Amino acid sequence: MASEAFLPGFEATGEFEVVAGVDLLGDRLETFCANHAAANGYGGDIRALDIDALLSDAPPPFVVIGGPPCQGFSSLRPFRNIEWNDPRNNLWGGVLPSGSGDPT
């Protein structure tokens, strides 16, 4: 969960708490839940996440931080694919609509 790296900075301000996390991979979600016991963990594809369920959690998210996977375009990956049709390269679309509006 790439966003896990951003969370300590937000929490250190004393203004934010982690209330939810989403990850496709079960072992990553287990790590998130172990690090944030009071947060709700959602397993699965973020594009299929029920936004209404997320927003009905107590407390509801105020800030959404996303770290989509970089496997499709990272220069460290020997099988990278910078093409738009690689589904890993456009997961950001699952994060943005859950915020203040559709980016398109």
Protein backbone atom coordinates (compact mmCIF):
# COMPACT_ATOMS: atom_id res chain seq x y z
CA MET A 1 0.00 0.00 0.00
CA ALA A 2 2.03 2.94 -1.29
CA SER A 3 -0.09 5.47 0.58
CA GLU A 4 1.04 3.93 3.85
CA ALA A 5 4.19 6.04 3.49
CA PHE A 6 2.14 9.26 3.57
CA LEU A 7 0.05 8.44 6.62
CA PRO A 8 2.59 9.11 9.40
CA GLY A 9 3.04 12.69 8.19
CA PHE A 10 -0.69 13.35 8.26
CA GLU A 11 -1.07 11.75 11.67
CA ALA A 12 1.93 13.67 13.07
CA THR A 13 0.07 16.94 12.57
CA GLY A 14 -2.48 15.87 15.17
CA GLU A 15 -5.21 17.01 12.78
CA PHE A 16 -5.83 13.70 11.01
CA GLU A 17 -6.46 10.09 11.91
CA VAL A 18 -6.52 7.10 9.59
CA VAL A 19 -10.08 5.81 9.34
CA ALA A 20 -9.99 3.48 6.30
CA GLY A 21 -7.74 1.71 3.84
CA VAL A 22 -8.25 -0.20 0.60
CA ASP A 23 -5.97 -2.78 -0.95
CA LEU A 24 -6.39 -5.52 -3.52
CA LEU A 25 -3.79 -7.78 -1.91
CA GLY A 26 -4.77 -9.49 1.32
CA ASP A 27 -1.33 -9.45 2.93
CA ARG A 28 -1.05 -5.68 2.35
CA LEU A 29 -4.48 -5.15 3.84
CA GLU A 30 -3.53 -7.26 6.87
CA THR A 31 -0.46 -5.05 7.39
CA PHE A 32 -2.59 -1.91 7.08
CA CYS A 33 -5.07 -3.25 9.64
CA ALA A 34 -2.27 -4.23 12.01
CA ASN A 35 -0.80 -0.72 11.77
CA HIS A 36 -4.18 1.03 12.06
CA ALA A 37 -6.33 -1.13 14.34
CA ALA A 38 -9.08 1.49 14.66
CA ALA A 39 -9.43 1.92 10.88
CA ASN A 40 -11.73 -0.02 8.58
CA GLY A 41 -9.97 -2.16 5.99
CA TYR A 42 -11.56 -2.83 2.61
CA GLY A 43 -10.23 -5.65 0.46
CA GLY A 44 -10.67 -5.66 -3.28
CA ASP A 45 -10.41 -3.53 -6.38
CA ILE A 46 -10.78 0.16 -5.51
CA ARG A 47 -12.83 0.65 -8.69
CA ALA A 48 -15.50 -1.62 -7.18
CA LEU A 49 -15.49 0.03 -3.74
CA ASP A 50 -18.92 1.05 -2.47
CA ILE A 51 -18.34 4.76 -1.86
CA ASP A 52 -21.59 5.07 0.10
CA ALA A 53 -20.40 2.37 2.53
CA LEU A 54 -17.08 4.15 2.96
CA LEU A 55 -18.72 7.51 3.58
CA SER A 56 -21.16 6.02 6.09
CA ASP A 57 -18.30 4.80 8.28
CA ALA A 58 -17.76 6.64 11.54
CA PRO A 59 -15.90 8.88 11.25
CA PRO A 60 -16.19 9.40 7.50
CA PRO A 61 -13.00 10.18 5.55
CA PHE A 62 -12.08 13.85 5.24
CA VAL A 63 -8.94 13.48 3.12
CA VAL A 64 -8.37 10.72 0.58
CA ILE A 65 -4.76 9.73 -0.09
CA GLY A 66 -4.11 7.38 -2.99
CA GLY A 67 -1.01 5.56 -4.07
CA PRO A 68 -1.92 3.55 -7.17
CA PRO A 69 0.47 0.74 -8.05
CA CYS A 70 3.33 1.60 -10.37
CA GLN A 71 4.00 -1.88 -11.75
CA GLY A 72 2.75 -0.90 -15.18
CA PHE A 73 5.08 2.05 -15.69
CA SER A 74 7.92 1.88 -13.16
CA SER A 75 11.36 1.81 -14.78
CA LEU A 76 12.37 -0.74 -12.13
CA ARG A 77 9.95 -3.26 -13.59
CA PRO A 78 11.24 -5.32 -16.53
CA PHE A 79 7.72 -5.90 -17.86
CA ARG A 80 6.41 -2.36 -17.60
CA ASN A 81 3.79 -1.12 -20.00
CA ILE A 82 3.19 2.61 -20.31
CA GLU A 83 0.14 2.04 -22.47
CA TRP A 84 -3.20 3.35 -21.23
CA ASN A 85 -4.79 -0.08 -21.70
CA ASP A 86 -2.71 -1.62 -18.89
CA PRO A 87 -5.32 -1.67 -16.09
CA ARG A 88 -2.63 -0.95 -13.47
CA ASN A 89 -1.86 2.39 -15.11
CA ASN A 90 -5.26 3.96 -14.54
CA LEU A 91 -6.29 2.92 -11.02
CA TRP A 92 -6.10 6.59 -10.04
CA GLY A 93 -9.56 6.82 -11.62
CA GLY A 94 -10.88 4.72 -8.74
CA VAL A 95 -9.63 7.26 -6.20
CA LEU A 96 -10.57 10.58 -7.76
CA PRO A 97 -14.32 10.03 -8.25
CA SER A 98 -14.59 9.24 -4.54
CA GLY A 99 -13.40 12.75 -3.79
CA SER A 100 -14.72 16.08 -4.94
CA GLY A 101 -15.59 15.16 -8.49
CA ASP A 102 -14.80 13.36 -11.71
CA PRO A 103 -11.49 14.46 -13.26
CA THR A 104 -12.72 14.03 -16.83
